[in-house]
Amino acid sequence: MRLNLLRSWHLLQLDSADVARQLTLMESRHFFTITYEELLETSTALAGRSLPFSNDDEEVFGLNGKDSLTRSLPKASPIRDFIESNRVLSSWVASTIISEQEHARRVKLIELFVLVADECLQMGNFSTMMAVWRALHCKPVRMLRRANSEAMQSNRTLTLLAHLGQACAVKGSDLSSVHSLQEARLDSPCVPFLEGYMLMLAETQREWGEDVTAAGLINLSKARATARVVKKIVRHQHWRYDFQVSFRLDENLCMRAR
């Protein structure tokens, strides 16, 4: 019965805001399981790692490449699970577009995911926003030139994509645009782009040296710098989304995004 429902169900039947709300609830549930103790332990695990952010196809379709951030994290880490689930979400978005056989539906799916990413931006769900953006810009999706060209015939879609380009702007490992947007959400729900914060923790580990100085003293400057980053992350757990859960939609998205 469940398989029959899945076969008869298509993503284009849904409103972009509904998809964004359910994906936000899914990602926020996962994010709220992360504790500050785990963040501090992760900071130690990232010591000495050089972790340039990447939008490469390997980052969309491969979870554990030799340079993957998650390879530095314990296998049972909720942080690792969260980042890997975000990569799975990117892969699902890209695969949904690529595997669609009907050209007209491919165009509509590209338009839908641009709308979903923008809805997530407005909701403060920067994690899903970046996952969708990454998928829309991976090589296999970009190669669908005709579908992309037709999707961009819509002024709304093209304008939103340009807006998202500003929010998701990446220069090397510089994620200052999305960080600025996250930091501006002081008293409202937010699902941050956790991978970006992991890069900040790795940079803190490199910049401030060893935990214990050559004089045998605790490196308090490093401890303070690490605590500042961790505080920025856990601050986003103070508020919850009050969206209503659509159990049928939630179940369908969960099963398809695995």
C-alpha atoms as a PDB file:
ATOM      1  CA  MET A   1       0.000   0.000   0.000  1.00  0.00           C
ATOM      2  CA  ARG A   2       2.791   2.433   0.944  1.00  0.00           C
ATOM      3  CA  LEU A   3       4.713   1.689  -2.273  1.00  0.00           C
ATOM      4  CA  ASN A   4       1.593   2.360  -4.338  1.00  0.00           C
ATOM      5  CA  LEU A   5       1.152   5.732  -2.609  1.00  0.00           C
ATOM      6  CA  LEU A   6       4.769   6.630  -3.328  1.00  0.00           C
ATOM      7  CA  ARG A   7       4.414   5.726  -7.014  1.00  0.00           C
ATOM      8  CA  SER A   8       1.303   7.867  -7.403  1.00  0.00           C
ATOM      9  CA  TRP A   9       2.786  10.835  -5.521  1.00  0.00           C
ATOM     10  CA  HIS A  10       4.824  13.544  -7.238  1.00  0.00           C
ATOM     11  CA  LEU A  11       6.715  16.424  -5.684  1.00  0.00           C
ATOM     12  CA  LEU A  12       5.168  18.890  -8.139  1.00  0.00           C
ATOM     13  CA  GLN A  13       1.809  18.315  -6.484  1.00  0.00           C
ATOM     14  CA  LEU A  14       3.100  20.219  -3.468  1.00  0.00           C
ATOM     15  CA  ASP A  15       3.435  23.907  -2.706  1.00  0.00           C
ATOM     16  CA  SER A  16       7.025  25.136  -2.318  1.00  0.00           C
ATOM     17  CA  ALA A  17       6.255  26.661   1.100  1.00  0.00           C
ATOM     18  CA  ASP A  18       4.889  23.326   2.368  1.00  0.00           C
ATOM     19  CA  VAL A  19       8.006  21.487   1.162  1.00  0.00           C
ATOM     20  CA  ALA A  20      10.249  24.119   2.769  1.00  0.00           C
ATOM     21  CA  ARG A  21       8.365  23.950   6.081  1.00  0.00           C
ATOM     22  CA  GLN A  22       8.589  20.159   6.301  1.00  0.00           C
ATOM     23  CA  LEU A  23      12.276  20.102   5.327  1.00  0.00           C
ATOM     24  CA  THR A  24      12.868  22.788   7.950  1.00  0.00           C
ATOM     25  CA  LEU A  25      11.156  20.695  10.609  1.00  0.00           C
ATOM     26  CA  MET A  26      13.186  17.636   9.573  1.00  0.00           C
ATOM     27  CA  GLU A  27      16.519  19.502   9.723  1.00  0.00           C
ATOM     28  CA  SER A  28      15.660  21.404  12.919  1.00  0.00           C
ATOM     29  CA  ARG A  29      14.758  18.190  14.768  1.00  0.00           C
ATOM     30  CA  HIS A  30      18.195  16.876  13.915  1.00  0.00           C
ATOM     31  CA  PHE A  31      19.986  20.120  14.774  1.00  0.00           C
ATOM     32  CA  PHE A  32      18.370  20.378  18.214  1.00  0.00           C
ATOM     33  CA  THR A  33      19.876  17.023  19.260  1.00  0.00           C
ATOM     34  CA  ILE A  34      23.410  18.485  19.117  1.00  0.00           C
ATOM     35  CA  THR A  35      24.857  19.510  22.496  1.00  0.00           C
ATOM     36  CA  TYR A  36      27.573  22.003  23.363  1.00  0.00           C
ATOM     37  CA  GLU A  37      29.680  19.150  24.800  1.00  0.00           C
ATOM     38  CA  GLU A  38      29.667  17.453  21.400  1.00  0.00           C
ATOM     39  CA  LEU A  39      30.602  20.727  19.720  1.00  0.00           C
ATOM     40  CA  LEU A  40      33.599  21.146  22.030  1.00  0.00           C
ATOM     41  CA  GLU A  41      34.697  17.554  21.377  1.00  0.00           C
ATOM     42  CA  THR A  42      34.310  18.109  17.640  1.00  0.00           C
ATOM     43  CA  SER A  43      36.475  21.192  17.861  1.00  0.00           C
ATOM     44  CA  THR A  44      39.288  19.017  19.233  1.00  0.00           C
ATOM     45  CA  ALA A  45      38.728  16.411  16.502  1.00  0.00           C
ATOM     46  CA  LEU A  46      39.165  19.103  13.842  1.00  0.00           C
ATOM     47  CA  ALA A  47      42.589  20.167  15.144  1.00  0.00           C
ATOM     48  CA  GLY A  48      45.117  20.458  12.350  1.00  0.00           C
ATOM     49  CA  ARG A  49      42.599  19.951   9.571  1.00  0.00           C
ATOM     50  CA  SER A  50      42.511  22.197   6.522  1.00  0.00           C
ATOM     51  CA  LEU A  51      38.912  22.089   5.385  1.00  0.00           C
ATOM     52  CA  PRO A  52      38.162  24.232   2.345  1.00  0.00           C
ATOM     53  CA  PHE A  53      34.442  24.458   1.639  1.00  0.00           C
ATOM     54  CA  SER A  54      33.503  22.873  -1.675  1.00  0.00           C
ATOM     55  CA  ASN A  55      30.493  22.821  -3.953  1.00  0.00           C
ATOM     56  CA  ASP A  56      32.095  20.153  -6.134  1.00  0.00           C
ATOM     57  CA  ASP A  57      30.010  17.245  -7.406  1.00  0.00           C
ATOM     58  CA  GLU A  58      31.924  14.946  -5.054  1.00  0.00           C
ATOM     59  CA  GLU A  59      30.452  16.945  -2.180  1.00  0.00           C
ATOM     60  CA  VAL A  60      26.928  16.337  -3.523  1.00  0.00           C
ATOM     61  CA  PHE A  61      27.139  12.691  -4.497  1.00  0.00           C
ATOM     62  CA  GLY A  62      29.881  11.427  -2.173  1.00  0.00           C
ATOM     63  CA  LEU A  63      29.706  11.604   1.607  1.00  0.00           C
ATOM     64  CA  ASN A  64      33.092  10.377   2.704  1.00  0.00           C
ATOM     65  CA  GLY A  65      35.777  11.368   0.242  1.00  0.00           C
ATOM     66  CA  LYS A  66      39.345  11.399   1.509  1.00  0.00           C
ATOM     67  CA  ASP A  67      39.130  15.159   2.151  1.00  0.00           C
ATOM     68  CA  SER A  68      35.596  15.114   3.548  1.00  0.00           C
ATOM     69  CA  LEU A  69      35.038  17.105   6.722  1.00  0.00           C
ATOM     70  CA  THR A  70      33.033  14.267   8.252  1.00  0.00           C
ATOM     71  CA  ARG A  71      35.978  11.850   8.128  1.00  0.00           C
ATOM     72  CA  SER A  72      37.508  13.809  11.024  1.00  0.00           C
ATOM     73  CA  LEU A  73      34.446  13.280  13.207  1.00  0.00           C
ATOM     74  CA  PRO A  74      33.483  10.262  15.337  1.00  0.00           C
ATOM     75  CA  LYS A  75      31.136   7.877  13.528  1.00  0.00           C
ATOM     76  CA  ALA A  76      28.530   8.145  16.278  1.00  0.00           C
ATOM     77  CA  SER A  77      28.621  11.957  16.289  1.00  0.00           C
ATOM     78  CA  PRO A  78      25.254  13.768  15.895  1.00  0.00           C
ATOM     79  CA  ILE A  79      27.235  16.533  14.192  1.00  0.00           C
ATOM     80  CA  ARG A  80      28.574  14.106  11.613  1.00  0.00           C
ATOM     81  CA  ASP A  81      25.054  12.716  11.130  1.00  0.00           C
ATOM     82  CA  PHE A  82      23.651  16.209  10.627  1.00  0.00           C
ATOM     83  CA  ILE A  83      26.258  17.190   8.023  1.00  0.00           C
ATOM     84  CA  GLU A  84      25.921  13.884   6.187  1.00  0.00           C
ATOM     85  CA  SER A  85      22.122  14.161   6.144  1.00  0.00           C
ATOM     86  CA  ASN A  86      22.539  17.627   4.608  1.00  0.00           C
ATOM     87  CA  ARG A  87      24.707  16.093   1.880  1.00  0.00           C
ATOM     88  CA  VAL A  88      22.060  13.404   1.343  1.00  0.00           C
ATOM     89  CA  LEU A  89      19.485  16.160   0.955  1.00  0.00           C
ATOM     90  CA  SER A  90      21.631  17.777  -1.765  1.00  0.00           C
ATOM     91  CA  SER A  91      21.940  14.452  -3.523  1.00  0.00           C
ATOM     92  CA  TRP A  92      18.159  13.919  -3.313  1.00  0.00           C
ATOM     93  CA  VAL A  93      17.421  17.322  -4.860  1.00  0.00           C
ATOM     94  CA  ALA A  94      19.887  16.749  -7.708  1.00  0.00           C
ATOM     95  CA  SER A  95      18.732  13.167  -8.299  1.00  0.00           C
ATOM     96  CA  THR A  96      15.069  14.205  -8.301  1.00  0.00           C
ATOM     97  CA  ILE A  97      15.748  16.660 -11.117  1.00  0.00           C
ATOM     98  CA  ILE A  98      18.084  14.421 -13.113  1.00  0.00           C
ATOM     99  CA  SER A  99      15.931  11.286 -12.896  1.00  0.00           C
ATOM    100  CA  GLU A 100      12.759  13.034 -14.118  1.00  0.00           C
ATOM    101  CA  GLN A 101      12.032  11.715 -17.607  1.00  0.00           C
ATOM    102  CA  GLU A 102       9.624  14.417 -18.761  1.00  0.00           C
ATOM    103  CA  HIS A 103      11.329  17.609 -19.879  1.00  0.00           C
ATOM    104  CA  ALA A 104       8.466  19.874 -18.810  1.00  0.00           C
ATOM    105  CA  ARG A 105       8.552  18.378 -15.320  1.00  0.00           C
ATOM    106  CA  ARG A 106      12.306  18.870 -15.096  1.00  0.00           C
ATOM    107  CA  VAL A 107      11.806  22.567 -15.780  1.00  0.00           C
ATOM    108  CA  LYS A 108       9.090  22.756 -13.122  1.00  0.00           C
ATOM    109  CA  LEU A 109      11.285  20.893 -10.608  1.00  0.00           C
ATOM    110  CA  ILE A 110      14.128  23.367 -11.088  1.00  0.00           C
ATOM    111  CA  GLU A 111      11.673  26.216 -10.556  1.00  0.00           C
ATOM    112  CA  LEU A 112      10.215  24.460  -7.497  1.00  0.00           C
ATOM    113  CA  PHE A 113      13.580  23.945  -5.810  1.00  0.00           C
ATOM    114  CA  VAL A 114      14.579  27.570  -6.399  1.00  0.00           C
ATOM    115  CA  LEU A 115      11.347  28.542  -4.639  1.00  0.00           C
ATOM    116  CA  VAL A 116      12.013  26.039  -1.836  1.00  0.00           C
ATOM    117  CA  ALA A 117      15.519  27.437  -1.285  1.00  0.00           C
ATOM    118  CA  ASP A 118      14.130  30.973  -1.126  1.00  0.00           C
ATOM    119  CA  GLU A 119      11.400  29.910   1.323  1.00  0.00           C
ATOM    120  CA  CYS A 120      14.096  28.327   3.504  1.00  0.00           C
ATOM    121  CA  LEU A 121      16.085  31.571   3.391  1.00  0.00           C
ATOM    122  CA  GLN A 122      13.053  33.512   4.602  1.00  0.00           C
ATOM    123  CA  MET A 123      12.471  30.928   7.368  1.00  0.00           C
ATOM    124  CA  GLY A 124      16.075  31.083   8.546  1.00  0.00           C
ATOM    125  CA  ASN A 125      16.766  27.516   7.465  1.00  0.00           C
ATOM    126  CA  PHE A 126      20.205  28.137   6.027  1.00  0.00           C
ATOM    127  CA  SER A 127      21.121  24.464   6.177  1.00  0.00           C
ATOM    128  CA  THR A 128      18.502  23.365   3.640  1.00  0.00           C
ATOM    129  CA  MET A 129      19.008  26.536   1.603  1.00  0.00           C
ATOM    130  CA  MET A 130      22.684  25.664   1.104  1.00  0.00           C
ATOM    131  CA  ALA A 131      21.871  22.012   0.397  1.00  0.00           C
ATOM    132  CA  VAL A 132      19.436  22.949  -2.385  1.00  0.00           C
ATOM    133  CA  TRP A 133      21.804  25.595  -3.765  1.00  0.00           C
ATOM    134  CA  ARG A 134      24.625  23.065  -3.873  1.00  0.00           C
ATOM    135  CA  ALA A 135      22.404  20.609  -5.751  1.00  0.00           C
ATOM    136  CA  LEU A 136      21.195  23.159  -8.298  1.00  0.00           C
ATOM    137  CA  HIS A 137      24.804  24.028  -9.140  1.00  0.00           C
ATOM    138  CA  CYS A 138      26.296  20.547  -9.368  1.00  0.00           C
ATOM    139  CA  LYS A 139      27.562  19.583 -12.822  1.00  0.00           C
ATOM    140  CA  PRO A 140      24.881  16.967 -13.708  1.00  0.00           C
ATOM    141  CA  VAL A 141      22.092  19.496 -13.073  1.00  0.00           C
ATOM    142  CA  ARG A 142      23.948  22.312 -14.852  1.00  0.00           C
ATOM    143  CA  MET A 143      24.329  20.027 -17.870  1.00  0.00           C
ATOM    144  CA  LEU A 144      20.547  20.096 -18.311  1.00  0.00           C
ATOM    145  CA  ARG A 145      21.030  23.293 -20.288  1.00  0.00           C
ATOM    146  CA  ARG A 146      17.674  23.331 -22.034  1.00  0.00           C
ATOM    147  CA  ALA A 147      15.728  22.738 -18.820  1.00  0.00           C
ATOM    148  CA  ASN A 148      17.744  25.359 -16.928  1.00  0.00           C
ATOM    149  CA  SER A 149      17.337  27.877 -19.751  1.00  0.00           C
ATOM    150  CA  GLU A 150      13.574  27.417 -19.830  1.00  0.00           C
ATOM    151  CA  ALA A 151      13.305  27.619 -16.033  1.00  0.00           C
ATOM    152  CA  MET A 152      15.148  30.949 -16.119  1.00  0.00           C
ATOM    153  CA  GLN A 153      12.609  32.361 -18.585  1.00  0.00           C
ATOM    154  CA  SER A 154      10.533  33.086 -15.500  1.00  0.00           C
ATOM    155  CA  ASN A 155      11.484  36.529 -14.152  1.00  0.00           C
ATOM    156  CA  ARG A 156      10.544  35.386 -10.659  1.00  0.00           C
ATOM    157  CA  THR A 157      12.774  32.306 -10.791  1.00  0.00           C
ATOM    158  CA  LEU A 158      15.719  34.240 -12.225  1.00  0.00           C
ATOM    159  CA  THR A 159      15.368  37.024  -9.632  1.00  0.00           C
ATOM    160  CA  LEU A 160      15.146  34.556  -6.751  1.00  0.00           C
ATOM    161  CA  LEU A 161      18.172  32.645  -8.049  1.00  0.00           C
ATOM    162  CA  ALA A 162      20.186  35.878  -8.163  1.00  0.00           C
ATOM    163  CA  HIS A 163      19.035  36.683  -4.623  1.00  0.00           C
ATOM    164  CA  LEU A 164      20.066  33.222  -3.452  1.00  0.00           C
ATOM    165  CA  GLY A 165      23.418  33.672  -5.175  1.00  0.00           C
ATOM    166  CA  GLN A 166      24.104  36.619  -2.893  1.00  0.00           C
ATOM    167  CA  ALA A 167      23.061  34.675   0.213  1.00  0.00           C
ATOM    168  CA  CYS A 168      25.050  31.557  -0.721  1.00  0.00           C
ATOM    169  CA  ALA A 169      28.111  33.350  -2.081  1.00  0.00           C
ATOM    170  CA  VAL A 170      31.283  31.361  -1.450  1.00  0.00           C
ATOM    171  CA  LYS A 171      34.829  32.533  -2.126  1.00  0.00           C
ATOM    172  CA  GLY A 172      37.256  29.768  -1.231  1.00  0.00           C
ATOM    173  CA  SER A 173      36.440  29.017   2.389  1.00  0.00           C
ATOM    174  CA  ASP A 174      34.788  32.416   2.898  1.00  0.00           C
ATOM    175  CA  LEU A 175      31.158  31.919   3.909  1.00  0.00           C
ATOM    176  CA  SER A 176      30.719  35.426   5.296  1.00  0.00           C
ATOM    177  CA  SER A 177      27.411  36.030   3.476  1.00  0.00           C
ATOM    178  CA  VAL A 178      25.550  33.133   5.067  1.00  0.00           C
ATOM    179  CA  HIS A 179      27.268  33.749   8.421  1.00  0.00           C
ATOM    180  CA  SER A 180      26.066  37.358   8.407  1.00  0.00           C
ATOM    181  CA  LEU A 181      22.505  36.257   7.684  1.00  0.00           C
ATOM    182  CA  GLN A 182      22.627  33.693  10.487  1.00  0.00           C
ATOM    183  CA  GLU A 183      24.051  36.139  12.996  1.00  0.00           C
ATOM    184  CA  ALA A 184      21.231  38.578  12.219  1.00  0.00           C
ATOM    185  CA  ARG A 185      18.609  36.113  13.487  1.00  0.00           C
ATOM    186  CA  LEU A 186      19.026  36.929  17.155  1.00  0.00           C
ATOM    187  CA  ASP A 187      15.500  36.193  18.393  1.00  0.00           C
ATOM    188  CA  SER A 188      13.902  33.922  15.805  1.00  0.00           C
ATOM    189  CA  PRO A 189      14.208  30.248  14.807  1.00  0.00           C
ATOM    190  CA  CYS A 190      17.195  29.275  12.706  1.00  0.00           C
ATOM    191  CA  VAL A 191      18.785  26.119  11.335  1.00  0.00           C
ATOM    192  CA  PRO A 192      22.358  27.241  10.631  1.00  0.00           C
ATOM    193  CA  PHE A 193      24.670  25.932   7.960  1.00  0.00           C
ATOM    194  CA  LEU A 194      26.616  23.800  10.424  1.00  0.00           C
ATOM    195  CA  GLU A 195      29.373  22.899   8.000  1.00  0.00           C
ATOM    196  CA  GLY A 196      30.357  26.572   7.899  1.00  0.00           C
ATOM    197  CA  TYR A 197      30.670  26.691  11.676  1.00  0.00           C
ATOM    198  CA  MET A 198      32.830  23.556  11.573  1.00  0.00           C
ATOM    199  CA  LEU A 199      35.187  25.426   9.255  1.00  0.00           C
ATOM    200  CA  MET A 200      35.309  28.231  11.825  1.00  0.00           C
ATOM    201  CA  LEU A 201      36.170  25.744  14.586  1.00  0.00           C
ATOM    202  CA  ALA A 202      38.905  24.196  12.438  1.00  0.00           C
ATOM    203  CA  GLU A 203      40.326  27.665  11.756  1.00  0.00           C
ATOM    204  CA  THR A 204      40.268  28.421  15.503  1.00  0.00           C
ATOM    205  CA  GLN A 205      42.242  25.259  16.176  1.00  0.00           C
ATOM    206  CA  ARG A 206      44.872  26.252  13.596  1.00  0.00           C
ATOM    207  CA  GLU A 207      45.074  29.905  14.579  1.00  0.00           C
ATOM    208  CA  TRP A 208      45.443  29.510  18.343  1.00  0.00           C
ATOM    209  CA  GLY A 209      47.867  26.610  18.512  1.00  0.00           C
ATOM    210  CA  GLU A 210      48.062  23.897  21.172  1.00  0.00           C
ATOM    211  CA  ASP A 211      45.665  23.498  24.099  1.00  0.00           C
ATOM    212  CA  VAL A 212      48.613  23.746  26.494  1.00  0.00           C
ATOM    213  CA  THR A 213      51.319  26.344  25.929  1.00  0.00           C
ATOM    214  CA  ALA A 214      55.068  25.701  25.944  1.00  0.00           C
ATOM    215  CA  ALA A 215      55.103  27.138  29.469  1.00  0.00           C
ATOM    216  CA  GLY A 216      52.746  24.388  30.626  1.00  0.00           C
ATOM    217  CA  LEU A 217      49.716  26.682  30.936  1.00  0.00           C
ATOM    218  CA  ILE A 218      46.201  26.237  29.600  1.00  0.00           C
ATOM    219  CA  ASN A 219      45.777  28.192  26.358  1.00  0.00           C
ATOM    220  CA  LEU A 220      42.926  30.414  27.560  1.00  0.00           C
ATOM    221  CA  SER A 221      42.892  32.497  24.385  1.00  0.00           C
ATOM    222  CA  LYS A 222      42.147  29.382  22.361  1.00  0.00           C
ATOM    223  CA  ALA A 223      39.499  28.266  24.864  1.00  0.00           C
ATOM    224  CA  ARG A 224      37.761  31.642  24.628  1.00  0.00           C
ATOM    225  CA  ALA A 225      37.876  31.656  20.817  1.00  0.00           C
ATOM    226  CA  THR A 226      36.426  28.136  20.674  1.00  0.00           C
ATOM    227  CA  ALA A 227      33.702  29.040  23.173  1.00  0.00           C
ATOM    228  CA  ARG A 228      32.681  32.046  21.068  1.00  0.00           C
ATOM    229  CA  VAL A 229      32.059  29.842  18.019  1.00  0.00           C
ATOM    230  CA  VAL A 230      30.205  27.187  20.044  1.00  0.00           C
ATOM    231  CA  LYS A 231      28.037  29.879  21.635  1.00  0.00           C
ATOM    232  CA  LYS A 232      27.061  31.151  18.188  1.00  0.00           C
ATOM    233  CA  ILE A 233      25.850  27.661  17.276  1.00  0.00           C
ATOM    234  CA  VAL A 234      23.893  26.769  20.426  1.00  0.00           C
ATOM    235  CA  ARG A 235      22.246  30.192  20.456  1.00  0.00           C
ATOM    236  CA  HIS A 236      20.221  29.039  17.458  1.00  0.00           C
ATOM    237  CA  GLN A 237      18.684  26.269  19.576  1.00  0.00           C
ATOM    238  CA  HIS A 238      16.850  28.729  21.831  1.00  0.00           C
ATOM    239  CA  TRP A 239      13.852  29.082  19.509  1.00  0.00           C
ATOM    240  CA  ARG A 240      11.649  26.450  17.880  1.00  0.00           C
ATOM    241  CA  TYR A 241       9.613  26.474  14.694  1.00  0.00           C
ATOM    242  CA  ASP A 242       5.875  26.263  15.271  1.00  0.00           C
ATOM    243  CA  PHE A 243       4.969  24.835  11.863  1.00  0.00           C
ATOM    244  CA  GLN A 244       2.320  22.153  11.829  1.00  0.00           C
ATOM    245  CA  VAL A 245       3.657  18.746  10.897  1.00  0.00           C
ATOM    246  CA  SER A 246       2.082  17.181   7.827  1.00  0.00           C
ATOM    247  CA  PHE A 247       2.679  13.537   8.666  1.00  0.00           C
ATOM    248  CA  ARG A 248       1.962  12.251   5.167  1.00  0.00           C
ATOM    249  CA  LEU A 249       4.276  14.819   3.581  1.00  0.00           C
ATOM    250  CA  ASP A 250       6.891  14.341   6.284  1.00  0.00           C
ATOM    251  CA  GLU A 251       6.887  10.588   5.729  1.00  0.00           C
ATOM    252  CA  ASN A 252       7.107  10.920   1.949  1.00  0.00           C
ATOM    253  CA  LEU A 253       9.969  13.386   2.096  1.00  0.00           C
ATOM    254  CA  CYS A 254      11.823  11.308   4.692  1.00  0.00           C
ATOM    255  CA  MET A 255      11.546   8.171   2.560  1.00  0.00           C
ATOM    256  CA  ARG A 256      12.554   9.920  -0.665  1.00  0.00           C
ATOM    257  CA  ALA A 257      15.419  11.920   0.815  1.00  0.00           C
ATOM    258  CA  ARG A 258      17.156   8.861   2.288  1.00  0.00           C
END
